PDB file of all heavy atoms in Angstrom:
ATOM      1  N   TRP A   1      41.022  16.956 -13.475  1.00  0.00           N
ATOM      2  CA  TRP A   1      42.402  17.021 -13.934  1.00  0.00           C
ATOM      3  C   TRP A   1      43.214  15.779 -13.595  1.00  0.00           C
ATOM      4  O   TRP A   1      43.947  15.261 -14.435  1.00  0.00           O
ATOM      5  CB  TRP A   1      43.113  18.237 -13.333  1.00  0.00           C
ATOM      6  CG  TRP A   1      42.792  19.540 -13.982  1.00  0.00           C
ATOM      7  CD1 TRP A   1      42.058  20.556 -13.457  1.00  0.00           C
ATOM      8  CD2 TRP A   1      43.213  19.977 -15.276  1.00  0.00           C
ATOM      9  NE1 TRP A   1      41.990  21.613 -14.336  1.00  0.00           N
ATOM     10  CE2 TRP A   1      42.690  21.277 -15.464  1.00  0.00           C
ATOM     11  CE3 TRP A   1      43.972  19.404 -16.297  1.00  0.00           C
ATOM     12  CZ2 TRP A   1      42.909  22.009 -16.629  1.00  0.00           C
ATOM     13  CZ3 TRP A   1      44.181  20.133 -17.455  1.00  0.00           C
ATOM     14  CH2 TRP A   1      43.656  21.416 -17.615  1.00  0.00           C
ATOM     15  N   THR A   2      43.092  15.287 -12.357  1.00  0.00           N
ATOM     16  CA  THR A   2      43.979  14.224 -11.896  1.00  0.00           C
ATOM     17  C   THR A   2      43.521  12.828 -12.283  1.00  0.00           C
ATOM     18  O   THR A   2      44.341  11.995 -12.679  1.00  0.00           O
ATOM     19  CB  THR A   2      44.161  14.285 -10.370  1.00  0.00           C
ATOM     20  OG1 THR A   2      42.884  14.250  -9.723  1.00  0.00           O
ATOM     21  CG2 THR A   2      44.896  15.556  -9.968  1.00  0.00           C
ATOM     22  N   THR A   3      42.239  12.546 -12.176  1.00  0.00           N
ATOM     23  CA  THR A   3      41.732  11.200 -12.420  1.00  0.00           C
ATOM     24  C   THR A   3      41.207  10.992 -13.832  1.00  0.00           C
ATOM     25  O   THR A   3      41.098   9.853 -14.289  1.00  0.00           O
ATOM     26  CB  THR A   3      40.610  10.846 -11.438  1.00  0.00           C
ATOM     27  OG1 THR A   3      39.483  11.696 -11.672  1.00  0.00           O
ATOM     28  CG2 THR A   3      41.082  11.019  -9.997  1.00  0.00           C
ATOM     29  N   GLY A   4      40.856  12.076 -14.526  1.00  0.00           N
ATOM     30  CA  GLY A   4      40.250  11.948 -15.834  1.00  0.00           C
ATOM     31  C   GLY A   4      38.783  11.581 -15.804  1.00  0.00           C
ATOM     32  O   GLY A   4      38.195  11.309 -16.860  1.00  0.00           O
ATOM     33  N   LEU A   5      38.179  11.559 -14.632  1.00  0.00           N
ATOM     34  CA  LEU A   5      36.752  11.274 -14.511  1.00  0.00           C
ATOM     35  C   LEU A   5      35.959  12.273 -15.335  1.00  0.00           C
ATOM     36  O   LEU A   5      36.200  13.478 -15.261  1.00  0.00           O
ATOM     37  CB  LEU A   5      36.328  11.349 -13.048  1.00  0.00           C
ATOM     38  CG  LEU A   5      34.840  11.154 -12.749  1.00  0.00           C
ATOM     39  CD1 LEU A   5      34.442   9.700 -12.977  1.00  0.00           C
ATOM     40  CD2 LEU A   5      34.525  11.577 -11.318  1.00  0.00           C
ATOM     41  N   THR A   6      34.999  11.788 -16.122  1.00  0.00           N
ATOM     42  CA  THR A   6      34.201  12.645 -16.991  1.00  0.00           C
ATOM     43  C   THR A   6      32.721  12.555 -16.664  1.00  0.00           C
ATOM     44  O   THR A   6      32.255  11.595 -16.060  1.00  0.00           O
ATOM     45  CB  THR A   6      34.394  12.289 -18.472  1.00  0.00           C
ATOM     46  OG1 THR A   6      34.027  10.924 -18.685  1.00  0.00           O
ATOM     47  CG2 THR A   6      35.834  12.506 -18.898  1.00  0.00           C
ATOM     48  N   GLN A   7      31.991  13.565 -17.089  1.00  0.00           N
ATOM     49  CA  GLN A   7      30.542  13.613 -16.953  1.00  0.00           C
ATOM     50  C   GLN A   7      29.986  14.344 -18.165  1.00  0.00           C
ATOM     51  O   GLN A   7      30.571  15.323 -18.628  1.00  0.00           O
ATOM     52  CB  GLN A   7      30.152  14.334 -15.665  1.00  0.00           C
ATOM     53  CG  GLN A   7      28.671  14.263 -15.319  1.00  0.00           C
ATOM     54  CD  GLN A   7      28.254  12.871 -14.914  1.00  0.00           C
ATOM     55  OE1 GLN A   7      27.498  12.217 -15.627  1.00  0.00           O
ATOM     56  NE2 GLN A   7      28.755  12.389 -13.787  1.00  0.00           N
ATOM     57  N   TYR A   8      28.845  13.859 -18.681  1.00  0.00           N
ATOM     58  CA  TYR A   8      28.234  14.454 -19.861  1.00  0.00           C
ATOM     59  C   TYR A   8      26.746  14.672 -19.655  1.00  0.00           C
ATOM     60  O   TYR A   8      26.075  13.884 -18.982  1.00  0.00           O
ATOM     61  CB  TYR A   8      28.407  13.548 -21.083  1.00  0.00           C
ATOM     62  CG  TYR A   8      29.827  13.371 -21.537  1.00  0.00           C
ATOM     63  CD1 TYR A   8      30.589  12.299 -21.084  1.00  0.00           C
ATOM     64  CD2 TYR A   8      30.407  14.274 -22.422  1.00  0.00           C
ATOM     65  CE1 TYR A   8      31.892  12.130 -21.501  1.00  0.00           C
ATOM     66  CE2 TYR A   8      31.712  14.109 -22.845  1.00  0.00           C
ATOM     67  CZ  TYR A   8      32.448  13.037 -22.381  1.00  0.00           C
ATOM     68  OH  TYR A   8      33.744  12.875 -22.805  1.00  0.00           O
ATOM     69  N   ALA A   9      26.227  15.730 -20.271  1.00  0.00           N
ATOM     70  CA  ALA A   9      24.793  15.912 -20.344  1.00  0.00           C
ATOM     71  C   ALA A   9      24.206  14.868 -21.288  1.00  0.00           C
ATOM     72  O   ALA A   9      24.849  14.469 -22.263  1.00  0.00           O
ATOM     73  CB  ALA A   9      24.457  17.313 -20.847  1.00  0.00           C
ATOM     74  N   ASP A  10      22.987  14.428 -21.002  1.00  0.00           N
ATOM     75  CA  ASP A  10      22.347  13.419 -21.839  1.00  0.00           C
ATOM     76  C   ASP A  10      22.234  13.862 -23.300  1.00  0.00           C
ATOM     77  O   ASP A  10      22.331  13.040 -24.215  1.00  0.00           O
ATOM     78  CB  ASP A  10      20.961  13.081 -21.299  1.00  0.00           C
ATOM     79  CG  ASP A  10      21.006  12.288 -20.014  1.00  0.00           C
ATOM     80  OD1 ASP A  10      22.053  11.691 -19.706  1.00  0.00           O
ATOM     81  OD2 ASP A  10      19.975  12.261 -19.313  1.00  0.00           O
ATOM     82  N   SER A  11      22.051  15.148 -23.519  1.00  0.00           N
ATOM     83  CA  SER A  11      21.838  15.663 -24.860  1.00  0.00           C
ATOM     84  C   SER A  11      23.062  15.552 -25.768  1.00  0.00           C
ATOM     85  O   SER A  11      22.932  15.624 -26.991  1.00  0.00           O
ATOM     86  CB  SER A  11      21.376  17.124 -24.799  1.00  0.00           C
ATOM     87  OG  SER A  11      22.339  17.926 -24.141  1.00  0.00           O
ATOM     88  N   VAL A  12      24.248  15.388 -25.177  1.00  0.00           N
ATOM     89  CA  VAL A  12      25.466  15.325 -25.975  1.00  0.00           C
ATOM     90  C   VAL A  12      26.196  14.000 -25.847  1.00  0.00           C
ATOM     91  O   VAL A  12      27.198  13.779 -26.551  1.00  0.00           O
ATOM     92  CB  VAL A  12      26.430  16.476 -25.624  1.00  0.00           C
ATOM     93  CG1 VAL A  12      25.723  17.820 -25.735  1.00  0.00           C
ATOM     94  CG2 VAL A  12      27.022  16.291 -24.229  1.00  0.00           C
ATOM     95  N   LYS A  13      25.726  13.125 -24.995  1.00  0.00           N
ATOM     96  CA  LYS A  13      26.380  11.842 -24.765  1.00  0.00           C
ATOM     97  C   LYS A  13      26.456  11.046 -26.069  1.00  0.00           C
ATOM     98  O   LYS A  13      25.466  10.896 -26.780  1.00  0.00           O
ATOM     99  CB  LYS A  13      25.623  11.066 -23.692  1.00  0.00           C
ATOM    100  CG  LYS A  13      26.433  10.005 -22.984  1.00  0.00           C
ATOM    101  CD  LYS A  13      25.680   9.478 -21.756  1.00  0.00           C
ATOM    102  CE  LYS A  13      25.447  10.570 -20.727  1.00  0.00           C
ATOM    103  NZ  LYS A  13      24.717  10.083 -19.533  1.00  0.00           N
ATOM    104  N   GLY A  14      27.639  10.544 -26.377  1.00  0.00           N
ATOM    105  CA  GLY A  14      27.851   9.805 -27.605  1.00  0.00           C
ATOM    106  C   GLY A  14      28.269  10.663 -28.777  1.00  0.00           C
ATOM    107  O   GLY A  14      28.730  10.128 -29.795  1.00  0.00           O
ATOM    108  N   ARG A  15      28.114  11.974 -28.667  1.00  0.00           N
ATOM    109  CA  ARG A  15      28.503  12.888 -29.741  1.00  0.00           C
ATOM    110  C   ARG A  15      29.693  13.763 -29.365  1.00  0.00           C
ATOM    111  O   ARG A  15      30.535  14.062 -30.212  1.00  0.00           O
ATOM    112  CB  ARG A  15      27.333  13.790 -30.135  1.00  0.00           C
ATOM    113  CG  ARG A  15      26.136  13.043 -30.699  1.00  0.00           C
ATOM    114  CD  ARG A  15      25.110  14.013 -31.278  1.00  0.00           C
ATOM    115  NE  ARG A  15      24.562  14.906 -30.257  1.00  0.00           N
ATOM    116  CZ  ARG A  15      24.587  16.239 -30.330  1.00  0.00           C
ATOM    117  NH1 ARG A  15      25.140  16.839 -31.375  1.00  0.00           N
ATOM    118  NH2 ARG A  15      24.052  16.972 -29.372  1.00  0.00           N
ATOM    119  N   PHE A  16      29.745  14.191 -28.109  1.00  0.00           N
ATOM    120  CA  PHE A  16      30.801  15.085 -27.638  1.00  0.00           C
ATOM    121  C   PHE A  16      31.773  14.317 -26.753  1.00  0.00           C
ATOM    122  O   PHE A  16      31.378  13.400 -26.020  1.00  0.00           O
ATOM    123  CB  PHE A  16      30.224  16.238 -26.820  1.00  0.00           C
ATOM    124  CG  PHE A  16      29.406  17.236 -27.596  1.00  0.00           C
ATOM    125  CD1 PHE A  16      29.053  17.025 -28.919  1.00  0.00           C
ATOM    126  CD2 PHE A  16      28.987  18.412 -26.979  1.00  0.00           C
ATOM    127  CE1 PHE A  16      28.294  17.944 -29.622  1.00  0.00           C
ATOM    128  CE2 PHE A  16      28.228  19.346 -27.673  1.00  0.00           C
ATOM    129  CZ  PHE A  16      27.883  19.112 -28.990  1.00  0.00           C
ATOM    130  N   THR A  17      33.035  14.708 -26.790  1.00  0.00           N
ATOM    131  CA  THR A  17      34.054  14.123 -25.932  1.00  0.00           C
ATOM    132  C   THR A  17      34.898  15.224 -25.314  1.00  0.00           C
ATOM    133  O   THR A  17      35.438  16.069 -26.035  1.00  0.00           O
ATOM    134  CB  THR A  17      34.966  13.164 -26.710  1.00  0.00           C
ATOM    135  OG1 THR A  17      34.188  12.131 -27.320  1.00  0.00           O
ATOM    136  CG2 THR A  17      35.983  12.519 -25.768  1.00  0.00           C
ATOM    137  N   ILE A  18      35.021  15.206 -23.993  1.00  0.00           N
ATOM    138  CA  ILE A  18      35.884  16.154 -23.313  1.00  0.00           C
ATOM    139  C   ILE A  18      37.207  15.467 -22.989  1.00  0.00           C
ATOM    140  O   ILE A  18      37.240  14.282 -22.647  1.00  0.00           O
ATOM    141  CB  ILE A  18      35.225  16.711 -22.032  1.00  0.00           C
ATOM    142  CG1 ILE A  18      36.050  17.867 -21.449  1.00  0.00           C
ATOM    143  CG2 ILE A  18      34.999  15.620 -20.994  1.00  0.00           C
ATOM    144  CD1 ILE A  18      35.340  18.628 -20.333  1.00  0.00           C
ATOM    145  N   SER A  19      38.293  16.200 -23.115  1.00  0.00           N
ATOM    146  CA  SER A  19      39.609  15.676 -22.788  1.00  0.00           C
ATOM    147  C   SER A  19      40.466  16.794 -22.220  1.00  0.00           C
ATOM    148  O   SER A  19      40.138  17.974 -22.375  1.00  0.00           O
ATOM    149  CB  SER A  19      40.279  15.053 -24.015  1.00  0.00           C
ATOM    150  OG  SER A  19      40.468  16.019 -25.034  1.00  0.00           O
ATOM    151  N   ARG A  20      41.556  16.408 -21.550  1.00  0.00           N
ATOM    152  CA  ARG A  20      42.436  17.418 -20.991  1.00  0.00           C
ATOM    153  C   ARG A  20      43.884  17.069 -21.261  1.00  0.00           C
ATOM    154  O   ARG A  20      44.253  15.898 -21.349  1.00  0.00           O
ATOM    155  CB  ARG A  20      42.173  17.617 -19.486  1.00  0.00           C
ATOM    156  CG  ARG A  20      42.958  16.734 -18.517  1.00  0.00           C
ATOM    157  CD  ARG A  20      42.468  15.322 -18.464  1.00  0.00           C
ATOM    158  NE  ARG A  20      42.968  14.637 -17.276  1.00  0.00           N
ATOM    159  CZ  ARG A  20      43.145  13.328 -17.170  1.00  0.00           C
ATOM    160  NH1 ARG A  20      42.826  12.535 -18.189  1.00  0.00           N
ATOM    161  NH2 ARG A  20      43.606  12.806 -16.041  1.00  0.00           N
ATOM    162  N   ASP A  21      44.702  18.108 -21.412  1.00  0.00           N
ATOM    163  CA  ASP A  21      46.139  17.998 -21.568  1.00  0.00           C
ATOM    164  C   ASP A  21      46.756  18.659 -20.346  1.00  0.00           C
ATOM    165  O   ASP A  21      46.803  19.886 -20.256  1.00  0.00           O
ATOM    166  CB  ASP A  21      46.595  18.677 -22.859  1.00  0.00           C
ATOM    167  CG  ASP A  21      48.071  18.488 -23.134  1.00  0.00           C
ATOM    168  OD1 ASP A  21      48.854  18.348 -22.180  1.00  0.00           O
ATOM    169  OD2 ASP A  21      48.446  18.499 -24.319  1.00  0.00           O
ATOM    170  N   ASN A  22      47.206  17.848 -19.399  1.00  0.00           N
ATOM    171  CA  ASN A  22      47.707  18.379 -18.136  1.00  0.00           C
ATOM    172  C   ASN A  22      49.004  19.165 -18.299  1.00  0.00           C
ATOM    173  O   ASN A  22      49.287  20.066 -17.515  1.00  0.00           O
ATOM    174  CB  ASN A  22      47.913  17.248 -17.127  1.00  0.00           C
ATOM    175  CG  ASN A  22      46.625  16.563 -16.747  1.00  0.00           C
ATOM    176  OD1 ASN A  22      46.050  15.821 -17.540  1.00  0.00           O
ATOM    177  ND2 ASN A  22      46.158  16.816 -15.531  1.00  0.00           N
ATOM    178  N   ILE A  23      49.790  18.824 -19.312  1.00  0.00           N
ATOM    179  CA  ILE A  23      51.051  19.521 -19.527  1.00  0.00           C
ATOM    180  C   ILE A  23      50.809  20.934 -20.037  1.00  0.00           C
ATOM    181  O   ILE A  23      51.451  21.891 -19.615  1.00  0.00           O
ATOM    182  CB  ILE A  23      51.960  18.750 -20.504  1.00  0.00           C
ATOM    183  CG1 ILE A  23      52.220  17.336 -19.980  1.00  0.00           C
ATOM    184  CG2 ILE A  23      53.267  19.502 -20.723  1.00  0.00           C
ATOM    185  CD1 ILE A  23      52.865  17.288 -18.614  1.00  0.00           C
ATOM    186  N   ARG A  24      49.870  21.065 -20.970  1.00  0.00           N
ATOM    187  CA  ARG A  24      49.574  22.359 -21.573  1.00  0.00           C
ATOM    188  C   ARG A  24      48.466  23.117 -20.858  1.00  0.00           C
ATOM    189  O   ARG A  24      48.117  24.228 -21.262  1.00  0.00           O
ATOM    190  CB  ARG A  24      49.214  22.180 -23.042  1.00  0.00           C
ATOM    191  CG  ARG A  24      50.367  21.679 -23.886  1.00  0.00           C
ATOM    192  CD  ARG A  24      49.933  21.348 -25.304  1.00  0.00           C
ATOM    193  NE  ARG A  24      51.070  20.964 -26.130  1.00  0.00           N
ATOM    194  CZ  ARG A  24      51.609  19.750 -26.138  1.00  0.00           C
ATOM    195  NH1 ARG A  24      51.129  18.791 -25.366  1.00  0.00           N
ATOM    196  NH2 ARG A  24      52.649  19.492 -26.931  1.00  0.00           N
ATOM    197  N   ASN A  25      47.891  22.523 -19.801  1.00  0.00           N
ATOM    198  CA  ASN A  25      46.785  23.143 -19.067  1.00  0.00           C
ATOM    199  C   ASN A  25      45.658  23.562 -20.008  1.00  0.00           C
ATOM    200  O   ASN A  25      45.124  24.676 -19.916  1.00  0.00           O
ATOM    201  CB  ASN A  25      47.278  24.340 -18.255  1.00  0.00           C
ATOM    202  CG  ASN A  25      47.973  23.932 -16.974  1.00  0.00           C
ATOM    203  OD1 ASN A  25      47.471  23.109 -16.218  1.00  0.00           O
ATOM    204  ND2 ASN A  25      49.133  24.524 -16.723  1.00  0.00           N
ATOM    205  N   THR A  26      45.295  22.657 -20.883  1.00  0.00           N
ATOM    206  CA  THR A  26      44.269  22.927 -21.875  1.00  0.00           C
ATOM    207  C   THR A  26      43.233  21.817 -21.876  1.00  0.00           C
ATOM    208  O   THR A  26      43.582  20.632 -21.766  1.00  0.00           O
ATOM    209  CB  THR A  26      44.884  23.071 -23.276  1.00  0.00           C
ATOM    210  OG1 THR A  26      45.823  24.149 -23.277  1.00  0.00           O
ATOM    211  CG2 THR A  26      43.810  23.363 -24.319  1.00  0.00           C
ATOM    212  N   VAL A  27      41.975  22.194 -21.977  1.00  0.00           N
ATOM    213  CA  VAL A  27      40.865  21.258 -22.066  1.00  0.00           C
ATOM    214  C   VAL A  27      40.195  21.427 -23.419  1.00  0.00           C
ATOM    215  O   VAL A  27      40.073  22.550 -23.920  1.00  0.00           O
ATOM    216  CB  VAL A  27      39.863  21.479 -20.921  1.00  0.00           C
ATOM    217  CG1 VAL A  27      38.606  20.643 -21.119  1.00  0.00           C
ATOM    218  CG2 VAL A  27      40.501  21.135 -19.588  1.00  0.00           C
TER     219      VAL A  27
END
């Protein structure tokens, strides 16, 4: 939440993107 540090499984790297909206508490 605070740093935006991300991690991905190898199977989805380059295809999937995770993001977060801290104001709306939504990922």
